C-alpha atoms as a PDB file:
ATOM      1  CA  MET A   1     128.576  57.660 108.461  1.00  0.00           C
ATOM      2  CA  GLY A   2     129.395  60.534 110.759  1.00  0.00           C
ATOM      3  CA  VAL A   3     127.384  63.322 109.135  1.00  0.00           C
ATOM      4  CA  GLU A   4     124.092  63.699 107.301  1.00  0.00           C
ATOM      5  CA  GLU A   5     125.404  66.311 104.847  1.00  0.00           C
ATOM      6  CA  ALA A   6     128.776  66.960 103.228  1.00  0.00           C
ATOM      7  CA  GLU A   7     130.165  69.141 100.491  1.00  0.00           C
ATOM      8  CA  PHE A   8     131.674  67.532  97.415  1.00  0.00           C
ATOM      9  CA  THR A   9     135.131  68.919  98.166  1.00  0.00           C
ATOM     10  CA  ALA A  10     135.075  67.474 101.695  1.00  0.00           C
ATOM     11  CA  LEU A  11     134.064  64.049 100.347  1.00  0.00           C
ATOM     12  CA  LYS A  12     136.853  64.228  97.795  1.00  0.00           C
ATOM     13  CA  GLU A  13     139.408  65.092 100.486  1.00  0.00           C
ATOM     14  CA  MET A  14     138.179  62.463 102.955  1.00  0.00           C
ATOM     15  CA  THR A  15     138.223  59.670 100.388  1.00  0.00           C
ATOM     16  CA  ARG A  16     141.372  60.861  98.594  1.00  0.00           C
ATOM     17  CA  ALA A  17     139.612  59.998  95.357  1.00  0.00           C
ATOM     18  CA  THR A  18     139.587  61.938  92.128  1.00  0.00           C
ATOM     19  CA  ALA A  19     136.764  64.359  91.383  1.00  0.00           C
ATOM     20  CA  GLY A  20     135.595  62.077  88.573  1.00  0.00           C
ATOM     21  CA  ASN A  21     135.496  59.013  90.797  1.00  0.00           C
ATOM     22  CA  VAL A  22     133.589  60.814  93.572  1.00  0.00           C
ATOM     23  CA  SER A  23     131.168  62.256  91.032  1.00  0.00           C
ATOM     24  CA  LEU A  24     130.487  58.817  89.529  1.00  0.00           C
ATOM     25  CA  GLN A  25     129.869  57.241  92.934  1.00  0.00           C
ATOM     26  CA  LEU A  26     127.571  60.088  93.990  1.00  0.00           C
ATOM     27  CA  ASP A  27     125.564  59.690  90.782  1.00  0.00           C
ATOM     28  CA  LYS A  28     125.087  55.985  91.574  1.00  0.00           C
ATOM     29  CA  LEU A  29     123.979  56.748  95.134  1.00  0.00           C
ATOM     30  CA  LYS A  30     121.550  59.372  93.827  1.00  0.00           C
ATOM     31  CA  GLU A  31     120.100  56.916  91.282  1.00  0.00           C
ATOM     32  CA  HIS A  32     119.104  54.647  94.173  1.00  0.00           C
ATOM     33  CA  ASN A  33     117.726  57.568  96.226  1.00  0.00           C
ATOM     34  CA  TYR A  34     120.376  57.048  98.903  1.00  0.00           C
ATOM     35  CA  ILE A  35     121.410  60.711  98.721  1.00  0.00           C
ATOM     36  CA  THR A  36     120.176  64.041  97.422  1.00  0.00           C
ATOM     37  CA  ILE A  37     122.490  66.464  95.657  1.00  0.00           C
ATOM     38  CA  GLU A  38     122.027  70.218  95.921  1.00  0.00           C
ATOM     39  CA  LYS A  39     124.059  72.613  93.798  1.00  0.00           C
ATOM     40  CA  GLY A  40     124.427  76.240  94.717  1.00  0.00           C
ATOM     41  CA  PHE A  41     126.900  79.035  95.346  1.00  0.00           C
ATOM     42  CA  LYS A  42     128.870  80.178  98.381  1.00  0.00           C
ATOM     43  CA  ASN A  43     130.724  83.482  98.069  1.00  0.00           C
ATOM     44  CA  LYS A  44     130.346  83.319  94.271  1.00  0.00           C
ATOM     45  CA  TYR A  45     131.896  79.836  94.133  1.00  0.00           C
ATOM     46  CA  PRO A  46     129.953  76.728  93.111  1.00  0.00           C
ATOM     47  CA  VAL A  47     129.140  74.349  95.953  1.00  0.00           C
ATOM     48  CA  THR A  48     127.693  70.857  95.750  1.00  0.00           C
ATOM     49  CA  LYS A  49     126.122  69.459  98.920  1.00  0.00           C
ATOM     50  CA  CYS A  50     125.188  65.819  99.360  1.00  0.00           C
ATOM     51  CA  ARG A  51     122.678  64.716 101.978  1.00  0.00           C
ATOM     52  CA  ILE A  52     121.860  61.147 102.951  1.00  0.00           C
ATOM     53  CA  THR A  53     118.184  60.177 102.726  1.00  0.00           C
ATOM     54  CA  LYS A  54     116.162  57.932 105.030  1.00  0.00           C
ATOM     55  CA  ILE A  55     116.445  55.220 102.393  1.00  0.00           C
ATOM     56  CA  GLY A  56     120.209  55.753 102.368  1.00  0.00           C
ATOM     57  CA  ILE A  57     120.436  55.444 106.138  1.00  0.00           C
ATOM     58  CA  LEU A  58     118.455  52.206 106.090  1.00  0.00           C
ATOM     59  CA  ALA A  59     120.583  50.808 103.270  1.00  0.00           C
ATOM     60  CA  PHE A  60     123.780  51.716 105.126  1.00  0.00           C
ATOM     61  CA  GLU A  61     122.536  50.137 108.349  1.00  0.00           C
ATOM     62  CA  GLN A  62     121.640  46.957 106.451  1.00  0.00           C
ATOM     63  CA  TYR A  63     125.069  46.946 104.812  1.00  0.00           C
ATOM     64  CA  VAL A  64     126.806  47.216 108.204  1.00  0.00           C
ATOM     65  CA  ALA A  65     124.584  44.478 109.673  1.00  0.00           C
ATOM     66  CA  THR A  66     125.411  42.197 106.745  1.00  0.00           C
ATOM     67  CA  LEU A  67     129.143  42.834 107.170  1.00  0.00           C
ATOM     68  CA  LYS A  68     128.928  42.068 110.893  1.00  0.00           C
ATOM     69  CA  GLN A  69     127.053  38.859 110.159  1.00  0.00           C
ATOM     70  CA  TYR A  70     129.653  37.869 107.559  1.00  0.00           C
ATOM     71  CA  ILE A  71     132.499  38.553 109.994  1.00  0.00           C
ATOM     72  CA  ASP A  72     130.812  36.565 112.768  1.00  0.00           C
ATOM     73  CA  ILE A  73     130.249  33.573 110.457  1.00  0.00           C
ATOM     74  CA  ASN A  74     133.859  33.619 109.239  1.00  0.00           C
ATOM     75  CA  LYS A  75     135.614  34.292 112.572  1.00  0.00           C
ATOM     76  CA  ASP A  76     137.104  30.845 112.960  1.00  0.00           C
END
């Protein structure tokens, strides 16, 4: 989680996923209030911006903590 906001096209490029897959995942994150989605225009082209919410940050931090705990338990 390196940024608080990203455009749809950047997310698609970073994940190397299809537009449909990224869109589906973003919809699921939005349903849980982990992100907000803002649609607009930039130089007459449509732009979709996604921004992580405070709830999303907390959920991500909990996810990372759980993974670390799992790794520590299963080290040996």
